């Protein structure tokens, strides 16, 4: 019997904008080796809920727990340390390290884990190639890549350091059908290895893979 706490747990979490609720109150528990899909129309709060789960935003009410640890009021520096090597995040802006060669930016999270430079490069290139980014692009800057390649590079960066979880916001939104299939396969492979995947998506393949679905609605207009 597995007595490990959930990877993520939200307890009556709420986030407001100008006093109007954008998310919540919502409670959800997400276990290891599972896929949780956030579903709903644009503007319903999917990205905000992902930001709350990943500690990028703090809730206005409720509690956020990572592996049983309450991180609701943790500082951003403490959260950054807790995420390193454990939680990979893919946002819609990708947040690549524009000043670094692609392989270095993708593998930067491995530095704090003590992985040698040669091994970091090898791991980054292998994963980039899995996502249809050829090795010849590994030394280029992110600005030289297409939008789809940039998104896949951001996914590679998240996967390299996702020991317990991947948080992904519409990870197939910039992909053609063949590339989207590669992204879905890579994400689900990480789940098969034990990580939790929390994903905001309209991709039917990810929806079908989800063992848990959280449906969000547009917030009510305030009078």
N, C-alpha and C. Protein backbone atom coordinates (compact mmCIF):
# COMPACT_ATOMS: atom_id res chain seq x y z
N UNK A 1 0.84 -1.20 0.00
CA UNK A 1 0.00 0.00 0.00
C UNK A 1 0.88 1.25 0.00
N UNK A 2 0.57 2.23 -0.86
CA UNK A 2 1.34 3.45 -0.96
C UNK A 2 0.73 4.52 -0.07
N UNK A 3 1.48 4.92 0.97
CA UNK A 3 0.99 5.94 1.89
C UNK A 3 1.57 7.31 1.61
N UNK A 4 2.23 7.48 0.48
CA UNK A 4 2.83 8.77 0.14
C UNK A 4 1.73 9.81 -0.05
N UNK A 5 1.98 11.04 0.40
CA UNK A 5 0.98 12.09 0.20
C UNK A 5 0.87 12.45 -1.28
N UNK A 6 -0.21 13.13 -1.67
CA UNK A 6 -0.32 13.58 -3.07
C UNK A 6 0.85 14.47 -3.46
N UNK A 7 1.19 14.43 -4.74
CA UNK A 7 2.23 15.32 -5.24
C UNK A 7 1.80 16.78 -5.07
N UNK A 8 0.56 17.06 -5.44
CA UNK A 8 -0.02 18.39 -5.26
C UNK A 8 -1.35 18.25 -4.54
N UNK A 9 -1.65 19.23 -3.71
CA UNK A 9 -2.97 19.28 -3.09
C UNK A 9 -3.37 20.74 -2.92
N UNK A 10 -4.54 21.07 -3.45
CA UNK A 10 -5.13 22.38 -3.24
C UNK A 10 -6.33 22.20 -2.31
N UNK A 11 -6.40 23.02 -1.28
CA UNK A 11 -7.49 22.94 -0.30
C UNK A 11 -8.23 24.26 -0.30
N UNK A 12 -9.41 24.27 -0.91
CA UNK A 12 -10.28 25.46 -0.97
C UNK A 12 -9.49 26.70 -1.41
N UNK A 13 -8.71 26.53 -2.47
CA UNK A 13 -7.87 27.61 -2.98
C UNK A 13 -8.71 28.56 -3.83
N UNK A 14 -8.42 29.85 -3.65
CA UNK A 14 -9.12 30.88 -4.43
C UNK A 14 -8.12 31.96 -4.83
N UNK A 15 -8.28 32.43 -6.07
CA UNK A 15 -7.47 33.55 -6.56
C UNK A 15 -8.42 34.59 -7.12
N UNK A 16 -8.20 35.86 -6.75
CA UNK A 16 -9.12 36.93 -7.14
C UNK A 16 -8.40 37.98 -7.97
N UNK A 17 -9.15 38.65 -8.80
CA UNK A 17 -8.69 39.82 -9.53
C UNK A 17 -9.71 40.93 -9.30
N UNK A 18 -9.28 42.05 -8.76
CA UNK A 18 -10.19 43.17 -8.46
C UNK A 18 -11.41 42.68 -7.68
N UNK A 19 -11.12 41.83 -6.71
CA UNK A 19 -12.11 41.29 -5.76
C UNK A 19 -13.04 40.24 -6.37
N UNK A 20 -12.95 40.03 -7.67
CA UNK A 20 -13.78 39.00 -8.30
C UNK A 20 -12.99 37.70 -8.39
N UNK A 21 -13.61 36.55 -8.07
CA UNK A 21 -12.87 35.29 -8.15
C UNK A 21 -12.51 34.93 -9.59
N UNK A 22 -11.25 34.58 -9.81
CA UNK A 22 -10.81 34.07 -11.11
C UNK A 22 -10.74 32.55 -11.05
N UNK A 23 -10.31 32.04 -9.91
CA UNK A 23 -10.26 30.61 -9.67
C UNK A 23 -10.81 30.34 -8.28
N UNK A 24 -11.68 29.31 -8.21
CA UNK A 24 -12.05 28.77 -6.92
C UNK A 24 -13.32 29.35 -6.33
N UNK A 25 -13.54 28.88 -5.11
CA UNK A 25 -12.66 27.97 -4.36
C UNK A 25 -12.64 26.56 -4.97
N UNK A 26 -11.44 25.97 -5.02
CA UNK A 26 -11.29 24.65 -5.61
C UNK A 26 -10.38 23.79 -4.73
N UNK A 27 -10.73 22.52 -4.63
CA UNK A 27 -9.90 21.54 -3.92
C UNK A 27 -9.62 20.38 -4.86
N UNK A 28 -8.36 19.97 -4.92
CA UNK A 28 -7.99 18.86 -5.80
C UNK A 28 -6.72 18.22 -5.26
N UNK A 29 -6.63 16.89 -5.37
CA UNK A 29 -5.42 16.15 -5.01
C UNK A 29 -4.91 15.43 -6.25
N UNK A 30 -3.59 15.51 -6.48
CA UNK A 30 -2.99 14.93 -7.68
C UNK A 30 -1.89 13.97 -7.26
N UNK A 31 -2.04 12.72 -7.64
CA UNK A 31 -1.13 11.67 -7.21
C UNK A 31 0.01 11.48 -8.21
N UNK A 32 1.07 10.82 -7.75
CA UNK A 32 2.17 10.44 -8.64
C UNK A 32 1.66 9.51 -9.74
N UNK A 33 2.34 9.51 -10.86
CA UNK A 33 2.02 8.62 -12.00
C UNK A 33 0.60 8.83 -12.52
N UNK A 34 0.10 10.06 -12.44
CA UNK A 34 -1.25 10.33 -12.90
C UNK A 34 -1.26 11.56 -13.79
N UNK A 35 -2.32 11.67 -14.58
CA UNK A 35 -2.53 12.84 -15.45
C UNK A 35 -3.79 13.55 -15.01
N UNK A 36 -3.66 14.83 -14.70
CA UNK A 36 -4.80 15.67 -14.36
C UNK A 36 -4.95 16.72 -15.45
N UNK A 37 -6.08 16.70 -16.14
CA UNK A 37 -6.33 17.64 -17.22
C UNK A 37 -7.26 18.76 -16.74
N UNK A 38 -6.83 19.99 -16.97
CA UNK A 38 -7.68 21.15 -16.68
C UNK A 38 -8.40 21.53 -17.96
N UNK A 39 -9.71 21.57 -17.89
CA UNK A 39 -10.53 21.80 -19.07
C UNK A 39 -11.39 23.03 -18.86
N UNK A 40 -11.65 23.73 -19.96
CA UNK A 40 -12.51 24.91 -19.87
C UNK A 40 -12.17 25.90 -20.95
N UNK A 41 -13.07 26.86 -21.19
CA UNK A 41 -12.84 27.85 -22.25
C UNK A 41 -11.73 28.83 -21.87
N UNK A 42 -11.24 29.56 -22.86
CA UNK A 42 -10.25 30.59 -22.62
C UNK A 42 -10.80 31.60 -21.63
N UNK A 43 -9.99 31.96 -20.64
CA UNK A 43 -10.43 32.92 -19.63
C UNK A 43 -11.06 32.29 -18.40
N UNK A 44 -11.12 30.96 -18.37
CA UNK A 44 -11.78 30.29 -17.25
C UNK A 44 -10.85 30.07 -16.05
N UNK A 45 -9.55 30.40 -16.20
CA UNK A 45 -8.65 30.31 -15.06
C UNK A 45 -7.71 29.13 -15.07
N UNK A 46 -7.58 28.44 -16.21
CA UNK A 46 -6.70 27.27 -16.26
C UNK A 46 -5.24 27.66 -15.99
N UNK A 47 -4.77 28.71 -16.67
CA UNK A 47 -3.39 29.14 -16.48
C UNK A 47 -3.15 29.61 -15.05
N UNK A 48 -4.13 30.29 -14.48
CA UNK A 48 -4.00 30.75 -13.09
C UNK A 48 -3.92 29.57 -12.14
N UNK A 49 -4.73 28.55 -12.36
CA UNK A 49 -4.69 27.38 -11.49
C UNK A 49 -3.33 26.68 -11.59
N UNK A 50 -2.78 26.59 -12.79
CA UNK A 50 -1.45 26.01 -12.95
C UNK A 50 -0.41 26.84 -12.20
N UNK A 51 -0.53 28.16 -12.28
CA UNK A 51 0.42 29.04 -11.58
C UNK A 51 0.31 28.86 -10.07
N UNK A 52 -0.88 28.63 -9.57
CA UNK A 52 -1.06 28.37 -8.14
C UNK A 52 -0.43 27.04 -7.74
N UNK A 53 -0.63 26.02 -8.57
CA UNK A 53 -0.04 24.71 -8.28
C UNK A 53 1.48 24.78 -8.25
N UNK A 54 2.05 25.53 -9.19
CA UNK A 54 3.50 25.60 -9.31
C UNK A 54 4.16 26.63 -8.41
N UNK A 55 3.37 27.35 -7.62
CA UNK A 55 3.94 28.35 -6.74
C UNK A 55 4.35 29.62 -7.44
N UNK A 56 3.95 29.79 -8.68
CA UNK A 56 4.26 31.01 -9.41
C UNK A 56 3.38 32.16 -8.92
N UNK A 57 2.15 31.84 -8.52
CA UNK A 57 1.26 32.79 -7.88
C UNK A 57 0.85 32.24 -6.52
N UNK A 58 0.51 33.15 -5.61
CA UNK A 58 0.03 32.75 -4.29
C UNK A 58 -1.48 32.90 -4.22
N UNK A 59 -2.18 32.01 -3.54
CA UNK A 59 -3.63 32.13 -3.45
C UNK A 59 -4.06 33.25 -2.51
N UNK A 60 -5.25 33.76 -2.72
CA UNK A 60 -5.83 34.73 -1.80
C UNK A 60 -6.52 34.03 -0.64
N UNK A 61 -6.84 32.78 -0.82
CA UNK A 61 -7.44 31.98 0.26
C UNK A 61 -7.12 30.52 -0.02
N UNK A 62 -7.14 29.70 1.04
CA UNK A 62 -6.89 28.28 0.91
C UNK A 62 -5.42 27.92 1.09
N UNK A 63 -5.11 26.65 0.84
CA UNK A 63 -3.76 26.12 1.09
C UNK A 63 -3.26 25.35 -0.12
N UNK A 64 -1.94 25.42 -0.36
CA UNK A 64 -1.26 24.68 -1.42
C UNK A 64 -0.22 23.79 -0.76
N UNK A 65 -0.27 22.49 -1.06
CA UNK A 65 0.68 21.54 -0.50
C UNK A 65 1.41 20.81 -1.60
N UNK A 66 2.72 20.65 -1.42
CA UNK A 66 3.55 19.83 -2.30
C UNK A 66 4.06 18.64 -1.51
N UNK A 67 3.68 17.46 -1.92
CA UNK A 67 4.10 16.22 -1.23
C UNK A 67 3.88 16.32 0.27
N UNK A 68 2.75 16.88 0.65
CA UNK A 68 2.38 16.98 2.05
C UNK A 68 2.91 18.21 2.77
N UNK A 69 3.76 18.98 2.11
CA UNK A 69 4.35 20.17 2.72
C UNK A 69 3.55 21.40 2.33
N UNK A 70 3.12 22.18 3.33
CA UNK A 70 2.35 23.39 3.07
C UNK A 70 3.30 24.48 2.56
N UNK A 71 3.10 24.91 1.30
CA UNK A 71 3.95 25.93 0.70
C UNK A 71 3.17 27.21 0.41
N UNK A 72 2.00 27.33 1.01
CA UNK A 72 1.11 28.46 0.71
C UNK A 72 1.80 29.79 0.91
N UNK A 73 2.55 29.92 2.01
CA UNK A 73 3.16 31.20 2.35
C UNK A 73 4.67 31.20 2.16
N UNK A 74 5.19 30.22 1.43
CA UNK A 74 6.64 30.16 1.19
C UNK A 74 7.07 31.30 0.27
N UNK A 75 8.29 31.77 0.47
CA UNK A 75 8.83 32.83 -0.39
C UNK A 75 9.15 32.27 -1.77
N UNK A 76 9.29 33.17 -2.74
CA UNK A 76 9.63 32.73 -4.09
C UNK A 76 11.00 32.06 -4.14
N UNK A 77 11.94 32.54 -3.33
CA UNK A 77 13.27 31.91 -3.32
C UNK A 77 13.19 30.50 -2.75
N UNK A 78 12.38 30.30 -1.70
CA UNK A 78 12.22 28.96 -1.13
C UNK A 78 11.51 28.04 -2.11
N UNK A 79 10.50 28.56 -2.80
CA UNK A 79 9.78 27.75 -3.78
C UNK A 79 10.68 27.35 -4.94
N UNK A 80 11.52 28.28 -5.36
CA UNK A 80 12.45 27.99 -6.45
C UNK A 80 13.38 26.84 -6.07
N UNK A 81 13.86 26.85 -4.84
CA UNK A 81 14.72 25.77 -4.37
C UNK A 81 13.98 24.44 -4.31
N UNK A 82 12.72 24.48 -3.88
CA UNK A 82 11.93 23.27 -3.79
C UNK A 82 11.60 22.70 -5.17
N UNK A 83 11.46 23.58 -6.16
CA UNK A 83 11.13 23.12 -7.51
C UNK A 83 12.32 22.48 -8.21
N UNK A 84 13.53 22.92 -7.90
CA UNK A 84 14.72 22.51 -8.64
C UNK A 84 14.88 21.00 -8.69
N UNK A 85 14.94 20.50 -9.91
CA UNK A 85 15.14 19.08 -10.10
C UNK A 85 13.92 18.23 -9.80
N UNK A 86 12.82 18.86 -9.41
CA UNK A 86 11.66 18.10 -8.98
C UNK A 86 10.41 18.43 -9.78
N UNK A 87 10.19 19.71 -10.07
CA UNK A 87 8.97 20.14 -10.74
C UNK A 87 9.34 20.92 -11.99
N UNK A 88 8.91 20.44 -13.15
CA UNK A 88 9.14 21.14 -14.41
C UNK A 88 7.89 21.88 -14.83
N UNK A 89 8.06 23.13 -15.25
CA UNK A 89 6.92 23.98 -15.62
C UNK A 89 7.08 24.46 -17.06
N UNK A 90 6.02 24.32 -17.84
CA UNK A 90 5.98 24.82 -19.22
C UNK A 90 4.84 25.81 -19.32
N UNK A 91 5.18 27.10 -19.40
CA UNK A 91 4.16 28.13 -19.56
C UNK A 91 3.94 28.49 -21.01
N UNK A 92 2.97 29.33 -21.27
CA UNK A 92 2.69 29.73 -22.65
C UNK A 92 3.74 30.66 -23.21
N UNK A 93 4.53 31.32 -22.35
CA UNK A 93 5.59 32.20 -22.82
C UNK A 93 6.92 31.46 -23.02
N UNK A 94 6.97 30.19 -22.60
CA UNK A 94 8.13 29.29 -22.76
C UNK A 94 9.30 29.65 -21.84
N UNK A 95 9.62 30.95 -21.66
CA UNK A 95 10.65 31.41 -20.72
C UNK A 95 11.98 30.70 -20.94
N UNK A 96 12.42 30.64 -22.18
CA UNK A 96 13.72 30.07 -22.48
C UNK A 96 14.84 31.07 -22.14
N UNK A 97 16.03 30.56 -21.93
CA UNK A 97 17.17 31.42 -21.62
C UNK A 97 17.74 31.94 -22.94
N UNK A 98 17.29 33.13 -23.33
CA UNK A 98 17.58 33.64 -24.66
C UNK A 98 19.07 33.89 -24.90
N UNK A 99 19.85 34.13 -23.85
CA UNK A 99 21.26 34.47 -24.01
C UNK A 99 22.16 33.24 -24.07
N UNK A 100 21.58 32.06 -23.87
CA UNK A 100 22.38 30.83 -23.84
C UNK A 100 22.13 29.99 -25.09
N UNK A 101 23.12 29.20 -25.50
CA UNK A 101 22.86 28.18 -26.53
C UNK A 101 21.72 27.27 -26.06
N UNK A 102 20.97 26.77 -27.00
CA UNK A 102 19.76 26.02 -26.66
C UNK A 102 20.02 24.90 -25.66
N UNK A 103 21.05 24.09 -25.89
CA UNK A 103 21.28 22.94 -25.01
C UNK A 103 21.59 23.37 -23.59
N UNK A 104 22.27 24.51 -23.43
CA UNK A 104 22.59 24.98 -22.09
C UNK A 104 21.35 25.45 -21.35
N UNK A 105 20.49 26.18 -22.06
CA UNK A 105 19.25 26.63 -21.42
C UNK A 105 18.34 25.48 -21.05
N UNK A 106 18.27 24.49 -21.93
CA UNK A 106 17.42 23.32 -21.66
C UNK A 106 17.92 22.53 -20.47
N UNK A 107 19.22 22.45 -20.31
CA UNK A 107 19.80 21.60 -19.26
C UNK A 107 20.22 22.36 -18.00
N UNK A 108 19.87 23.63 -17.90
CA UNK A 108 20.38 24.46 -16.81
C UNK A 108 19.96 23.91 -15.43
N UNK A 109 18.80 23.28 -15.38
CA UNK A 109 18.35 22.72 -14.11
C UNK A 109 19.20 21.57 -13.61
N UNK A 110 19.99 20.96 -14.50
CA UNK A 110 20.84 19.85 -14.09
C UNK A 110 22.10 20.31 -13.37
N UNK A 111 22.42 21.60 -13.48
CA UNK A 111 23.63 22.11 -12.83
C UNK A 111 23.53 21.95 -11.33
N UNK A 112 22.37 22.30 -10.75
CA UNK A 112 22.22 22.22 -9.30
C UNK A 112 22.21 20.77 -8.81
N UNK A 113 21.99 19.84 -9.74
CA UNK A 113 22.02 18.42 -9.38
C UNK A 113 23.42 17.84 -9.50
N UNK A 114 24.38 18.68 -9.89
CA UNK A 114 25.77 18.24 -9.96
C UNK A 114 26.12 17.45 -11.20
N UNK A 115 25.30 17.56 -12.26
CA UNK A 115 25.58 16.81 -13.49
C UNK A 115 26.67 17.54 -14.28
N UNK A 116 27.67 16.79 -14.72
CA UNK A 116 28.80 17.38 -15.46
C UNK A 116 28.34 17.94 -16.80
N UNK A 117 29.10 18.92 -17.30
CA UNK A 117 28.75 19.64 -18.52
C UNK A 117 28.55 18.68 -19.71
N UNK A 118 29.46 17.74 -19.90
CA UNK A 118 29.35 16.82 -21.03
C UNK A 118 28.08 16.00 -20.94
N UNK A 119 27.74 15.55 -19.74
CA UNK A 119 26.52 14.75 -19.56
C UNK A 119 25.28 15.62 -19.75
N UNK A 120 25.33 16.86 -19.27
CA UNK A 120 24.19 17.77 -19.47
C UNK A 120 23.92 17.96 -20.96
N UNK A 121 24.97 18.18 -21.71
CA UNK A 121 24.80 18.38 -23.15
C UNK A 121 24.22 17.13 -23.81
N UNK A 122 24.74 15.97 -23.45
CA UNK A 122 24.26 14.73 -24.05
C UNK A 122 22.79 14.49 -23.73
N UNK A 123 22.40 14.72 -22.50
CA UNK A 123 21.00 14.51 -22.12
C UNK A 123 20.09 15.50 -22.84
N UNK A 124 20.52 16.76 -22.89
CA UNK A 124 19.69 17.77 -23.55
C UNK A 124 19.50 17.45 -25.02
N UNK A 125 20.58 17.12 -25.70
CA UNK A 125 20.48 16.84 -27.14
C UNK A 125 19.63 15.61 -27.40
N UNK A 126 19.78 14.58 -26.57
CA UNK A 126 18.98 13.36 -26.76
C UNK A 126 17.49 13.66 -26.62
N UNK A 127 17.13 14.48 -25.64
CA UNK A 127 15.71 14.79 -25.44
C UNK A 127 15.20 15.73 -26.52
N UNK A 128 16.02 16.69 -26.91
CA UNK A 128 15.62 17.58 -28.00
C UNK A 128 15.37 16.78 -29.29
N UNK A 129 16.23 15.81 -29.58
CA UNK A 129 16.04 15.00 -30.78
C UNK A 129 14.76 14.16 -30.68
N UNK A 130 14.44 13.70 -29.48
CA UNK A 130 13.18 12.98 -29.28
C UNK A 130 11.99 13.85 -29.64
N UNK A 131 12.15 15.15 -29.44
CA UNK A 131 11.08 16.10 -29.74
C UNK A 131 11.28 16.79 -31.10
N UNK A 132 12.03 16.13 -31.99
CA UNK A 132 12.21 16.58 -33.38
C UNK A 132 12.94 17.91 -33.49
N UNK A 133 13.87 18.17 -32.58
CA UNK A 133 14.78 19.31 -32.70
C UNK A 133 16.17 18.72 -32.92
N UNK A 134 16.71 18.80 -34.13
CA UNK A 134 17.96 18.11 -34.45
C UNK A 134 19.16 18.66 -33.68
N UNK A 135 20.16 17.82 -33.52
CA UNK A 135 21.36 18.18 -32.77
C UNK A 135 22.05 19.41 -33.35
N UNK A 136 21.91 19.63 -34.65
CA UNK A 136 22.60 20.78 -35.27
C UNK A 136 22.06 22.12 -34.75
N UNK A 137 20.88 22.11 -34.12
CA UNK A 137 20.33 23.34 -33.56
C UNK A 137 20.71 23.55 -32.10
N UNK A 138 21.41 22.61 -31.50
CA UNK A 138 21.68 22.65 -30.06
C UNK A 138 22.50 23.85 -29.64
N UNK A 139 23.35 24.37 -30.53
CA UNK A 139 24.20 25.50 -30.19
C UNK A 139 23.63 26.84 -30.64
N UNK A 140 22.44 26.83 -31.18
CA UNK A 140 21.81 28.08 -31.59
C UNK A 140 21.08 28.72 -30.40
N UNK A 141 20.79 30.02 -30.54
CA UNK A 141 20.01 30.72 -29.53
C UNK A 141 18.53 30.46 -29.79
N UNK A 142 17.71 30.49 -28.75
CA UNK A 142 16.28 30.22 -28.93
C UNK A 142 15.61 31.11 -29.98
N UNK A 143 16.07 32.36 -30.13
CA UNK A 143 15.44 33.26 -31.09
C UNK A 143 15.56 32.76 -32.53
N UNK A 144 16.48 31.84 -32.78
CA UNK A 144 16.68 31.30 -34.13
C UNK A 144 15.75 30.13 -34.43
N UNK A 145 14.95 29.74 -33.46
CA UNK A 145 14.03 28.61 -33.64
C UNK A 145 12.64 29.11 -33.99
N UNK A 146 11.85 28.21 -34.57
CA UNK A 146 10.44 28.52 -34.84
C UNK A 146 9.65 28.48 -33.53
N UNK A 147 8.42 28.98 -33.58
CA UNK A 147 7.57 28.96 -32.39
C UNK A 147 7.33 27.55 -31.87
N UNK A 148 7.09 26.61 -32.78
CA UNK A 148 6.87 25.23 -32.36
C UNK A 148 8.11 24.61 -31.75
N UNK A 149 9.27 24.92 -32.33
CA UNK A 149 10.52 24.39 -31.78
C UNK A 149 10.80 24.99 -30.40
N UNK A 150 10.50 26.26 -30.23
CA UNK A 150 10.70 26.90 -28.93
C UNK A 150 9.82 26.23 -27.86
N UNK A 151 8.58 25.94 -28.22
CA UNK A 151 7.71 25.28 -27.26
C UNK A 151 8.23 23.88 -26.91
N UNK A 152 8.68 23.15 -27.91
CA UNK A 152 9.20 21.81 -27.63
C UNK A 152 10.49 21.87 -26.80
N UNK A 153 11.31 22.91 -27.03
CA UNK A 153 12.51 23.08 -26.22
C UNK A 153 12.14 23.36 -24.77
N UNK A 154 11.10 24.16 -24.55
CA UNK A 154 10.64 24.42 -23.18
C UNK A 154 10.13 23.15 -22.52
N UNK A 155 9.48 22.29 -23.29
CA UNK A 155 9.02 21.01 -22.76
C UNK A 155 10.21 20.13 -22.41
N UNK A 156 11.22 20.12 -23.27
CA UNK A 156 12.43 19.34 -22.98
C UNK A 156 13.07 19.81 -21.68
N UNK A 157 13.17 21.12 -21.49
CA UNK A 157 13.76 21.67 -20.26
C UNK A 157 12.98 21.19 -19.03
N UNK A 158 11.65 21.23 -19.11
CA UNK A 158 10.83 20.80 -17.99
C UNK A 158 11.01 19.31 -17.72
N UNK A 159 11.04 18.51 -18.77
CA UNK A 159 11.14 17.06 -18.60
C UNK A 159 12.48 16.63 -18.02
N UNK A 160 13.54 17.35 -18.35
CA UNK A 160 14.86 16.96 -17.87
C UNK A 160 14.96 16.99 -16.35
N UNK A 161 14.18 17.85 -15.73
CA UNK A 161 14.31 18.03 -14.27
C UNK A 161 13.00 17.77 -13.54
N UNK A 162 12.14 16.97 -14.11
CA UNK A 162 10.83 16.72 -13.52
C UNK A 162 10.83 15.40 -12.75
N UNK A 163 11.44 15.41 -11.59
CA UNK A 163 11.49 14.18 -10.79
C UNK A 163 10.11 13.75 -10.33
N UNK A 164 9.29 14.72 -9.89
CA UNK A 164 7.99 14.34 -9.34
C UNK A 164 6.81 14.87 -10.15
N UNK A 165 7.00 15.93 -10.96
CA UNK A 165 5.82 16.49 -11.63
C UNK A 165 6.20 17.38 -12.80
N UNK A 166 5.28 17.43 -13.77
CA UNK A 166 5.34 18.39 -14.88
C UNK A 166 4.03 19.16 -14.87
N UNK A 167 4.15 20.49 -14.96
CA UNK A 167 3.00 21.38 -15.07
C UNK A 167 3.08 22.02 -16.45
N UNK A 168 2.07 21.83 -17.29
CA UNK A 168 2.17 22.28 -18.68
C UNK A 168 0.90 23.01 -19.10
N UNK A 169 1.10 24.17 -19.71
CA UNK A 169 -0.02 25.00 -20.15
C UNK A 169 -0.14 24.91 -21.67
N UNK A 170 -1.14 24.20 -22.15
CA UNK A 170 -1.41 24.00 -23.58
C UNK A 170 -0.14 23.59 -24.33
N UNK A 171 0.48 22.47 -23.96
CA UNK A 171 1.79 22.11 -24.52
C UNK A 171 1.79 21.72 -25.99
N UNK A 172 0.62 21.50 -26.59
CA UNK A 172 0.57 21.17 -28.02
C UNK A 172 -0.01 22.30 -28.85
N UNK A 173 -0.19 23.48 -28.26
CA UNK A 173 -0.91 24.56 -28.93
C UNK A 173 -0.19 25.10 -30.16
N UNK A 174 1.15 25.00 -30.20
CA UNK A 174 1.93 25.55 -31.31
C UNK A 174 2.46 24.45 -32.24
N UNK A 175 1.89 23.26 -32.14
CA UNK A 175 2.44 22.11 -32.85
C UNK A 175 1.53 21.63 -33.98
N UNK A 176 2.17 21.14 -35.05
CA UNK A 176 1.40 20.42 -36.05
C UNK A 176 1.08 19.03 -35.50
N UNK A 177 0.32 18.27 -36.25
CA UNK A 177 -0.18 16.98 -35.75
C UNK A 177 0.96 16.04 -35.37
N UNK A 178 1.97 15.92 -36.23
CA UNK A 178 3.07 14.99 -35.97
C UNK A 178 3.88 15.43 -34.75
N UNK A 179 4.16 16.73 -34.64
CA UNK A 179 4.93 17.22 -33.49
C UNK A 179 4.13 17.11 -32.20
N UNK A 180 2.83 17.37 -32.29
CA UNK A 180 1.99 17.24 -31.11
C UNK A 180 2.01 15.80 -30.58
N UNK A 181 2.02 14.85 -31.49
CA UNK A 181 2.09 13.45 -31.08
C UNK A 181 3.38 13.16 -30.32
N UNK A 182 4.49 13.74 -30.77
CA UNK A 182 5.77 13.57 -30.08
C UNK A 182 5.71 14.18 -28.68
N UNK A 183 5.10 15.35 -28.56
CA UNK A 183 4.98 16.01 -27.26
C UNK A 183 4.14 15.18 -26.30
N UNK A 184 3.00 14.71 -26.79
CA UNK A 184 2.13 13.89 -25.93
C UNK A 184 2.86 12.64 -25.48
N UNK A 185 3.54 11.97 -26.40
CA UNK A 185 4.26 10.74 -26.04
C UNK A 185 5.35 11.01 -25.00
N UNK A 186 6.07 12.13 -25.16
CA UNK A 186 7.14 12.45 -24.21
C UNK A 186 6.58 12.74 -22.82
N UNK A 187 5.47 13.48 -22.77
CA UNK A 187 4.86 13.78 -21.48
C UNK A 187 4.34 12.52 -20.80
N UNK A 188 3.68 11.66 -21.57
CA UNK A 188 3.11 10.44 -20.98
C UNK A 188 4.20 9.45 -20.60
N UNK A 189 5.33 9.48 -21.30
CA UNK A 189 6.46 8.63 -20.92
C UNK A 189 6.97 9.03 -19.54
N UNK A 190 6.98 10.33 -19.26
CA UNK A 190 7.43 10.79 -17.94
C UNK A 190 6.45 10.37 -16.87
N UNK A 191 5.17 10.36 -17.19
CA UNK A 191 4.16 9.86 -16.24
C UNK A 191 4.39 8.38 -15.95
N UNK A 192 4.71 7.61 -17.00
CA UNK A 192 4.97 6.18 -16.83
C UNK A 192 6.17 5.93 -15.93
N UNK A 193 7.07 6.93 -15.86
CA UNK A 193 8.24 6.81 -15.00
C UNK A 193 7.97 7.27 -13.57
N UNK A 194 6.75 7.74 -13.30
CA UNK A 194 6.38 8.06 -11.92
C UNK A 194 5.98 9.48 -11.64
N UNK A 195 6.12 10.39 -12.62
CA UNK A 195 5.79 11.79 -12.37
C UNK A 195 4.29 12.03 -12.53
N UNK A 196 3.81 13.06 -11.85
CA UNK A 196 2.45 13.55 -12.08
C UNK A 196 2.50 14.57 -13.22
N UNK A 197 1.46 14.59 -14.03
CA UNK A 197 1.33 15.58 -15.10
C UNK A 197 0.04 16.35 -14.87
N UNK A 198 0.17 17.66 -14.74
CA UNK A 198 -1.00 18.53 -14.66
C UNK A 198 -0.96 19.42 -15.89
N UNK A 199 -2.01 19.37 -16.69
CA UNK A 199 -1.95 20.00 -17.99
C UNK A 199 -3.26 20.70 -18.32
N UNK A 200 -3.14 21.96 -18.72
CA UNK A 200 -4.28 22.66 -19.31
C UNK A 200 -4.25 22.36 -20.80
N UNK A 201 -5.35 21.85 -21.32
CA UNK A 201 -5.27 21.34 -22.69
C UNK A 201 -6.63 21.30 -23.37
N UNK A 202 -6.57 21.39 -24.70
CA UNK A 202 -7.72 21.06 -25.55
C UNK A 202 -7.38 19.87 -26.45
N UNK A 203 -6.23 19.23 -26.18
CA UNK A 203 -5.78 18.12 -27.01
C UNK A 203 -6.51 16.85 -26.59
N UNK A 204 -7.24 16.21 -27.50
CA UNK A 204 -8.03 15.03 -27.13
C UNK A 204 -7.16 13.88 -26.65
N UNK A 205 -5.91 13.79 -27.11
CA UNK A 205 -5.04 12.70 -26.66
C UNK A 205 -4.71 12.84 -25.18
N UNK A 206 -4.44 14.05 -24.75
CA UNK A 206 -4.15 14.28 -23.33
C UNK A 206 -5.42 14.15 -22.48
N UNK A 207 -6.53 14.58 -23.03
CA UNK A 207 -7.79 14.42 -22.31
C UNK A 207 -8.10 12.94 -22.09
N UNK A 208 -7.88 12.13 -23.11
CA UNK A 208 -8.15 10.69 -22.99
C UNK A 208 -7.21 10.03 -21.98
N UNK A 209 -5.99 10.53 -21.88
CA UNK A 209 -5.00 9.94 -20.97
C UNK A 209 -5.24 10.32 -19.53
N UNK A 210 -6.07 11.34 -19.30
CA UNK A 210 -6.25 11.85 -17.95
C UNK A 210 -7.05 10.89 -17.08
N UNK A 211 -6.53 10.65 -15.89
CA UNK A 211 -7.28 9.89 -14.90
C UNK A 211 -8.14 10.81 -14.05
N UNK A 212 -7.90 12.10 -14.19
CA UNK A 212 -8.63 13.10 -13.42
C UNK A 212 -8.84 14.33 -14.29
N UNK A 213 -10.05 14.89 -14.27
CA UNK A 213 -10.35 16.08 -15.05
C UNK A 213 -10.97 17.13 -14.15
N UNK A 214 -10.45 18.35 -14.27
CA UNK A 214 -10.99 19.48 -13.50
C UNK A 214 -11.56 20.47 -14.50
N UNK A 215 -12.88 20.63 -14.48
CA UNK A 215 -13.56 21.53 -15.42
C UNK A 215 -13.71 22.90 -14.77
N UNK A 216 -13.24 23.92 -15.48
CA UNK A 216 -13.35 25.29 -15.00
C UNK A 216 -14.31 26.06 -15.89
N UNK A 217 -15.06 26.98 -15.29
CA UNK A 217 -16.01 27.80 -16.02
C UNK A 217 -15.58 29.25 -15.98
N UNK A 218 -16.09 30.02 -16.91
CA UNK A 218 -15.81 31.46 -16.90
C UNK A 218 -16.33 32.07 -15.61
N UNK A 219 -15.56 32.99 -14.98
CA UNK A 219 -16.02 33.61 -13.75
C UNK A 219 -17.26 34.46 -14.00
N UNK A 220 -18.12 34.50 -13.01
CA UNK A 220 -19.33 35.29 -13.15
C UNK A 220 -19.00 36.78 -13.19
N UNK A 221 -19.72 37.52 -14.03
CA UNK A 221 -19.52 38.95 -14.10
C UNK A 221 -20.05 39.61 -12.83
N UNK A 222 -19.30 40.58 -12.32
CA UNK A 222 -19.73 41.28 -11.12
C UNK A 222 -20.68 42.43 -11.48
N UNK A 223 -21.70 42.65 -10.67
CA UNK A 223 -22.65 43.73 -10.97
C UNK A 223 -21.97 45.10 -10.83
